[in-house]
Amino acid sequence: MSHPRLRNRPFSLREARALGVEPVRLSRSELVTPFRGARVPARLAADFVARCAALCAREPGGVLSHTTAAILLGLPDTRWLPGVRQRGARAHLPPPDAPSSSALHDHLPPPDAPPTHAQPVLHLTVAPPARPPRLTGVRSHSRPLAAGETRRVRGLPVTSAARTWADLAATASIRELVVLGDAVLGGRAPLACHDDLRAAVPPAGARGASRARAAVELLDGRAESPPESLLRLILAEAGLPAPDVNVDLHTPDGRFLARPDLRFAPYRTIVEYEGDHHRIEPRQWRRDLTRTTALQQRGELVLRVGAEHLRSEKRLVGLVFRSLASRGWDPS
């Protein structure tokens, strides 16, 4: 690159000119233009974070937001979850290939995408009175952001997890908001607390406010995966009793036995979601067999479900309904 301070990183043309870089050097093949007024080293052309950094360099007062912030914060990709957009979501969400869609990850290319692959739309929020930039590949938003509504991730300014969750309510379904909200609240280092998300719910009348209000009361940070969140929500929507979520079980002598995904304690019924790794990894498969046997020996009914059950909700609900009824649950 033409200047050592700009080598191997994204930068704005404003910064390059301030360093005395000649315009002709900014047109070399070693650089690409992700959008007007910014340059990225060609080898980073397909790098999502590099494009975000280029945008922030061009718009130093802006904050990455919406789906862009969600990706940087590590929130889950909900596209692959069967049925996650049901229950009225289709009325609010555009199709996944719509160029203007802000449903989470709708435009995120695969990690190995070549530089010519269509890049995801970047979302940037700027506070008034600054004017939002009009750039190809950028969705700009104008709204004030309080001090607690921003943070830095990988050195980049992004909206906080609670602010991001609330922004996504404008286009996400209730189910998506529950999956995302569980992810915000869960893990070893939660990104926010339940009160943060309650406080972030958009005011009445704002787009997505009713969905956010409904979703925030359904959140449970003890869920350990998106399928677990969706499984719990499907059963709740069907009117089944509320289960314990990932609560440790111990043997009579105090040894750890298991932490079931969902357990209906009064009926000693457990529902476990099993992804493909439970089937294809021999060690995991053997552990599952040992644990299931131990649970059954102590009188638990263990239901093992997978993605096919999420695709057939009627079948899933019927299975759990009948199992609970056989253990004494009265649905009346």
Protein backbone atom coordinates (compact mmCIF):
# COMPACT_ATOMS: atom_id res chain seq x y z
CA MET A 1 0.00 0.00 0.00
CA SER A 2 1.02 3.60 -0.52
CA HIS A 3 1.28 4.55 3.17
CA PRO A 4 2.42 2.35 6.05
CA ARG A 5 -0.41 3.53 8.32
CA LEU A 6 -3.00 2.35 5.80
CA ARG A 7 -1.39 -0.94 4.85
CA ASN A 8 -3.45 -4.11 5.35
CA ARG A 9 -6.56 -2.42 6.73
CA PRO A 10 -9.70 -0.63 5.52
CA PHE A 11 -9.61 3.17 5.40
CA SER A 12 -11.54 6.18 4.16
CA LEU A 13 -10.44 8.43 1.32
CA ARG A 14 -10.58 11.31 3.77
CA GLU A 15 -7.92 9.62 5.90
CA ALA A 16 -5.78 8.81 2.85
CA ARG A 17 -5.85 12.41 1.63
CA ALA A 18 -4.95 13.67 5.11
CA LEU A 19 -1.87 11.44 4.98
CA GLY A 20 -0.88 12.81 1.60
CA VAL A 21 -1.61 9.70 -0.47
CA GLU A 22 -1.73 10.49 -4.18
CA PRO A 23 -5.15 9.82 -5.79
CA VAL A 24 -3.62 7.57 -8.45
CA ARG A 25 -2.44 5.17 -5.76
CA LEU A 26 -6.02 4.73 -4.53
CA SER A 27 -7.03 3.22 -7.86
CA ARG A 28 -4.57 0.36 -7.85
CA SER A 29 -5.76 -3.23 -8.22
CA GLU A 30 -4.57 -4.07 -4.72
CA LEU A 31 -7.52 -2.06 -3.38
CA VAL A 32 -11.27 -2.48 -3.83
CA THR A 33 -14.09 -0.02 -3.23
CA PRO A 34 -16.80 -1.53 -1.00
CA PHE A 35 -18.72 1.74 -1.29
CA ARG A 36 -18.02 5.33 -2.27
CA GLY A 37 -15.36 7.00 -0.15
CA ALA A 38 -13.72 3.89 1.28
CA ARG A 39 -11.07 1.35 0.30
CA VAL A 40 -10.33 -2.19 1.46
CA PRO A 41 -7.30 -4.34 0.58
CA ALA A 42 -8.32 -6.71 -2.23
CA ARG A 43 -7.52 -9.78 -0.16
CA LEU A 44 -10.13 -8.63 2.39
CA ALA A 45 -12.82 -7.85 -0.18
CA ALA A 46 -15.10 -10.68 0.99
CA ASP A 47 -14.40 -10.16 4.70
CA PHE A 48 -17.52 -9.03 6.53
CA VAL A 49 -15.67 -7.36 9.41
CA ALA A 50 -13.36 -5.53 7.00
CA ARG A 51 -16.35 -4.04 5.18
CA CYS A 52 -17.81 -2.97 8.52
CA ALA A 53 -14.51 -1.34 9.42
CA ALA A 54 -14.43 0.49 6.09
CA LEU A 55 -17.91 1.86 6.67
CA CYS A 56 -16.99 3.02 10.17
CA ALA A 57 -13.86 4.68 8.80
CA ARG A 58 -15.96 6.55 6.24
CA GLU A 59 -18.69 7.43 8.77
CA PRO A 60 -16.85 7.92 12.09
CA GLY A 61 -19.99 9.13 13.86
CA GLY A 62 -22.09 6.12 12.88
CA VAL A 63 -22.85 2.94 14.83
CA LEU A 64 -23.33 -0.48 13.24
CA SER A 65 -26.83 -1.68 14.04
CA HIS A 66 -29.69 -4.05 13.26
CA THR A 67 -28.61 -7.27 11.53
CA THR A 68 -25.03 -6.05 11.20
CA ALA A 69 -24.75 -5.60 14.96
CA ALA A 70 -26.45 -8.96 15.52
CA ILE A 71 -23.85 -10.74 13.41
CA LEU A 72 -20.96 -8.98 15.14
CA LEU A 73 -22.45 -9.74 18.57
CA GLY A 74 -22.58 -13.43 17.67
CA LEU A 75 -26.36 -13.83 17.78
CA PRO A 76 -27.62 -16.99 16.09
CA ASP A 77 -28.60 -17.33 12.46
CA THR A 78 -32.31 -18.16 12.61
CA ARG A 79 -32.79 -18.95 8.90
CA TRP A 80 -32.25 -22.69 9.26
CA LEU A 81 -34.73 -23.18 12.12
CA PRO A 82 -37.90 -24.83 10.77
CA GLY A 83 -41.05 -22.85 11.50
CA VAL A 84 -39.26 -19.95 13.17
CA ARG A 85 -41.22 -17.45 11.10
CA GLN A 86 -44.63 -18.95 11.72
CA ARG A 87 -47.43 -17.47 13.81
CA GLY A 88 -48.00 -14.36 11.75
CA ALA A 89 -44.36 -13.72 10.96
CA ARG A 90 -44.85 -14.00 7.22
CA ALA A 91 -47.08 -10.95 7.28
CA HIS A 92 -44.16 -8.91 8.56
CA LEU A 93 -41.10 -10.46 6.96
CA PRO A 94 -40.18 -10.07 3.29
CA PRO A 95 -38.91 -13.13 1.44
CA PRO A 96 -35.32 -14.10 2.27
CA ASP A 97 -33.98 -12.96 -1.08
CA ALA A 98 -35.51 -9.50 -0.96
CA PRO A 99 -32.71 -6.93 -1.37
CA SER A 100 -34.09 -4.68 1.37
CA SER A 101 -34.86 -7.37 3.95
CA SER A 102 -33.49 -6.93 7.44
CA ALA A 103 -34.35 -10.40 8.71
CA LEU A 104 -31.28 -11.70 10.51
CA HIS A 105 -28.48 -12.90 8.22
CA ASP A 106 -30.67 -12.80 5.09
CA HIS A 107 -27.74 -11.43 3.06
CA LEU A 108 -24.80 -12.96 4.88
CA PRO A 109 -22.59 -14.80 2.37
CA PRO A 110 -20.91 -18.09 3.23
CA PRO A 111 -17.49 -17.74 4.89
CA ASP A 112 -15.69 -19.00 1.79
CA ALA A 113 -17.46 -16.66 -0.63
CA PRO A 114 -15.16 -15.25 -3.33
CA PRO A 115 -14.71 -11.47 -3.60
CA THR A 116 -17.29 -11.29 -6.37
CA HIS A 117 -20.05 -12.78 -4.18
CA ALA A 118 -22.94 -10.45 -3.35
CA GLN A 119 -22.16 -8.84 -0.01
CA PRO A 120 -24.57 -8.46 2.91
CA VAL A 121 -26.30 -5.14 3.39
CA LEU A 122 -24.68 -3.22 6.23
CA HIS A 123 -26.85 -1.31 8.69
CA LEU A 124 -25.61 1.96 10.17
CA THR A 125 -27.39 4.21 12.66
CA VAL A 126 -26.46 7.88 12.96
CA ALA A 127 -27.79 10.32 15.53
CA PRO A 128 -29.55 13.51 14.41
CA PRO A 129 -28.78 16.12 13.25
CA ALA A 130 -26.18 14.18 11.25
CA ARG A 131 -27.50 13.07 7.87
CA PRO A 132 -27.56 9.32 7.23
CA PRO A 133 -25.28 8.40 4.32
CA ARG A 134 -26.79 7.19 1.07
CA LEU A 135 -24.50 4.42 -0.09
CA THR A 136 -24.97 1.31 -2.19
CA GLY A 137 -24.93 -1.72 0.09
CA VAL A 138 -25.71 0.31 3.22
CA ARG A 139 -29.04 0.71 4.99
CA SER A 140 -28.93 3.91 7.02
CA HIS A 141 -31.06 4.72 10.06
CA SER A 142 -31.48 7.98 11.94
CA ARG A 143 -32.27 7.94 15.65
CA PRO A 144 -30.67 9.11 18.90
CA LEU A 145 -28.61 6.53 20.77
CA ALA A 146 -28.09 6.81 24.52
CA ALA A 147 -24.66 6.11 25.99
CA GLY A 148 -25.71 2.68 27.22
CA GLU A 149 -27.04 1.68 23.82
CA THR A 150 -23.63 1.33 22.17
CA ARG A 151 -20.53 -0.79 22.73
CA ARG A 152 -17.43 -1.86 20.84
CA VAL A 153 -16.97 -5.27 19.26
CA ARG A 154 -13.70 -6.09 17.45
CA GLY A 155 -12.87 -2.43 17.80
CA LEU A 156 -16.03 -1.37 15.95
CA PRO A 157 -18.95 0.69 17.34
CA VAL A 158 -22.14 -1.40 17.47
CA THR A 159 -25.49 -1.07 19.15
CA SER A 160 -25.83 -2.90 22.44
CA ALA A 161 -27.44 -6.33 22.50
CA ALA A 162 -30.67 -4.95 23.98
CA ARG A 163 -30.85 -2.12 21.43
CA THR A 164 -30.08 -4.56 18.61
CA TRP A 165 -32.79 -6.97 19.76
CA ALA A 166 -35.32 -4.14 19.88
CA ASP A 167 -34.30 -2.88 16.42
CA LEU A 168 -34.79 -6.36 14.97
CA ALA A 169 -38.36 -6.42 16.28
CA ALA A 170 -39.36 -4.24 13.33
CA THR A 171 -39.00 -7.21 10.98
CA ALA A 172 -38.52 -10.38 13.07
CA SER A 173 -41.28 -12.74 14.12
CA ILE A 174 -42.09 -13.42 17.77
CA ARG A 175 -40.37 -16.77 17.47
CA GLU A 176 -37.22 -15.20 16.07
CA LEU A 177 -37.24 -12.63 18.86
CA VAL A 178 -37.50 -15.37 21.47
CA VAL A 179 -34.61 -17.33 19.94
CA LEU A 180 -32.48 -14.18 19.71
CA GLY A 181 -33.50 -12.96 23.15
CA ASP A 182 -32.64 -16.30 24.75
CA ALA A 183 -29.21 -16.05 23.12
CA VAL A 184 -28.73 -12.54 24.49
CA LEU A 185 -29.61 -13.67 28.02
CA GLY A 186 -27.81 -17.00 27.98
CA GLY A 187 -24.32 -18.36 27.91
CA ARG A 188 -21.44 -17.92 30.32
CA ALA A 189 -21.24 -14.20 29.58
CA PRO A 190 -24.77 -12.86 28.92
CA LEU A 191 -24.93 -9.86 26.64
CA ALA A 192 -27.78 -8.28 28.61
CA CYS A 193 -30.26 -9.04 31.38
CA HIS A 194 -34.00 -9.51 31.14
CA ASP A 195 -34.68 -6.02 32.49
CA ASP A 196 -32.46 -4.55 29.76
CA LEU A 197 -34.62 -6.18 27.08
CA ARG A 198 -37.84 -5.11 28.78
CA ALA A 199 -36.59 -1.53 28.88
CA ALA A 200 -35.61 -1.70 25.20
CA VAL A 201 -39.08 -2.74 23.96
CA PRO A 202 -40.20 -0.11 21.41
CA PRO A 203 -42.97 2.24 22.54
CA ALA A 204 -46.57 1.42 21.71
CA GLY A 205 -47.34 2.14 18.10
CA ALA A 206 -43.78 1.68 16.91
CA ARG A 207 -43.14 -0.99 14.31
CA GLY A 208 -42.64 -4.34 16.03
CA ALA A 209 -43.62 -3.07 19.49
CA SER A 210 -46.38 -5.63 20.01
CA ARG A 211 -44.15 -8.51 18.91
CA ALA A 212 -41.35 -7.35 21.21
CA ARG A 213 -43.74 -7.02 24.16
CA ALA A 214 -45.03 -10.54 23.58
CA ALA A 215 -41.59 -12.04 23.03
CA VAL A 216 -39.89 -10.48 26.06
CA GLU A 217 -42.23 -12.32 28.42
CA LEU A 218 -41.37 -15.66 26.79
CA LEU A 219 -37.59 -15.44 27.16
CA ASP A 220 -35.52 -17.87 29.20
CA GLY A 221 -31.78 -17.39 29.35
CA ARG A 222 -31.28 -20.98 30.52
CA ALA A 223 -31.86 -22.24 26.96
CA GLU A 224 -28.56 -23.44 25.51
CA SER A 225 -29.33 -23.50 21.78
CA PRO A 226 -31.76 -21.98 19.25
CA PRO A 227 -33.56 -25.32 18.68
CA GLU A 228 -34.15 -25.62 22.43
CA SER A 229 -35.70 -22.15 22.47
CA LEU A 230 -37.94 -22.95 19.53
CA LEU A 231 -38.92 -26.32 21.03
CA ARG A 232 -39.95 -24.68 24.30
CA LEU A 233 -41.93 -22.00 22.45
CA ILE A 234 -43.82 -24.49 20.27
CA LEU A 235 -44.92 -26.44 23.34
CA ALA A 236 -45.92 -23.25 25.17
CA GLU A 237 -47.98 -22.07 22.18
CA ALA A 238 -49.83 -25.41 22.28
CA GLY A 239 -50.89 -24.80 25.88
CA LEU A 240 -48.69 -27.43 27.49
CA PRO A 241 -47.40 -26.79 31.04
CA ALA A 242 -44.17 -24.85 31.47
CA PRO A 243 -41.11 -27.11 31.85
CA ASP A 244 -37.92 -26.61 33.81
CA VAL A 245 -35.15 -25.55 31.42
CA ASN A 246 -31.67 -27.07 31.77
CA VAL A 247 -31.94 -27.75 35.50
CA ASP A 248 -29.33 -30.15 36.93
CA LEU A 249 -30.47 -33.54 38.16
CA HIS A 250 -28.47 -35.50 40.73
CA THR A 251 -28.40 -39.04 42.05
CA PRO A 252 -29.58 -39.69 45.64
CA ASP A 253 -25.97 -39.52 46.80
CA GLY A 254 -25.45 -36.09 45.19
CA ARG A 255 -23.61 -37.03 41.99
CA PHE A 256 -24.45 -35.10 38.84
CA LEU A 257 -26.69 -37.12 36.54
CA ALA A 258 -27.95 -34.91 33.72
CA ARG A 259 -29.16 -31.46 32.72
CA PRO A 260 -32.19 -32.12 30.51
CA ASP A 261 -33.19 -29.55 27.92
CA LEU A 262 -36.79 -29.52 29.12
CA ARG A 263 -38.21 -31.38 32.12
CA PHE A 264 -41.82 -31.47 33.23
CA ALA A 265 -40.96 -32.25 36.84
CA PRO A 266 -44.45 -33.11 38.20
CA TYR A 267 -44.82 -35.73 35.45
CA ARG A 268 -41.20 -36.90 35.39
CA THR A 269 -41.11 -36.36 31.64
CA ILE A 270 -38.04 -35.08 29.78
CA VAL A 271 -37.78 -33.71 26.24
CA GLU A 272 -34.28 -33.63 24.76
CA TYR A 273 -33.43 -31.95 21.45
CA GLU A 274 -30.70 -33.80 19.61
CA GLY A 275 -28.83 -32.31 16.68
CA ASP A 276 -26.95 -34.36 14.12
CA HIS A 277 -23.81 -34.50 16.25
CA HIS A 278 -25.69 -36.71 18.70
CA ARG A 279 -26.13 -39.20 15.86
CA ILE A 280 -22.83 -39.05 13.98
CA GLU A 281 -20.33 -38.69 16.84
CA PRO A 282 -19.83 -42.14 18.45
CA ARG A 283 -18.65 -40.78 21.79
CA GLN A 284 -21.62 -38.43 22.08
CA TRP A 285 -23.99 -41.24 21.04
CA ARG A 286 -22.62 -43.52 23.76
CA ARG A 287 -22.92 -40.77 26.37
CA ASP A 288 -26.52 -40.16 25.33
CA LEU A 289 -27.37 -43.87 25.69
CA THR A 290 -25.78 -44.05 29.13
CA ARG A 291 -27.55 -40.91 30.32
CA THR A 292 -30.93 -41.93 28.91
CA THR A 293 -30.69 -45.33 30.58
CA ALA A 294 -29.80 -43.72 33.91
CA LEU A 295 -32.74 -41.33 33.65
CA GLN A 296 -35.15 -44.12 32.76
CA GLN A 297 -33.95 -46.18 35.71
CA ARG A 298 -34.93 -43.36 38.06
CA GLY A 299 -38.42 -43.27 36.56
CA GLU A 300 -38.10 -40.51 33.97
CA LEU A 301 -39.81 -40.75 30.59
CA VAL A 302 -37.28 -39.46 28.04
CA LEU A 303 -38.47 -38.14 24.68
CA ARG A 304 -35.64 -37.57 22.19
CA VAL A 305 -36.62 -35.23 19.36
CA GLY A 306 -34.79 -33.68 16.42
CA ALA A 307 -35.16 -31.26 13.53
CA GLU A 308 -37.83 -33.43 11.91
CA HIS A 309 -40.08 -32.78 14.91
CA LEU A 310 -39.63 -29.01 14.54
CA ARG A 311 -40.74 -29.39 10.92
CA SER A 312 -43.88 -31.25 12.03
CA GLU A 313 -45.19 -29.30 14.99
CA LYS A 314 -48.45 -31.21 15.17
CA ARG A 315 -46.53 -34.44 15.54
CA LEU A 316 -44.24 -32.93 18.18
CA VAL A 317 -47.07 -31.48 20.26
CA GLY A 318 -49.05 -34.72 20.02
CA LEU A 319 -46.07 -36.74 21.24
CA VAL A 320 -45.49 -34.55 24.28
CA PHE A 321 -49.22 -34.14 24.96
CA ARG A 322 -49.82 -37.91 25.06
CA SER A 323 -46.71 -38.50 27.14
CA LEU A 324 -47.71 -35.95 29.76
CA ALA A 325 -51.27 -37.27 29.85
CA SER A 326 -49.93 -40.79 30.43
CA ARG A 327 -48.04 -39.43 33.43
CA GLY A 328 -51.04 -37.78 35.05
CA TRP A 329 -51.32 -34.38 33.40
CA ASP A 330 -54.93 -33.23 33.04
CA PRO A 331 -55.24 -30.92 29.99
CA SER A 332 -58.72 -29.79 31.03
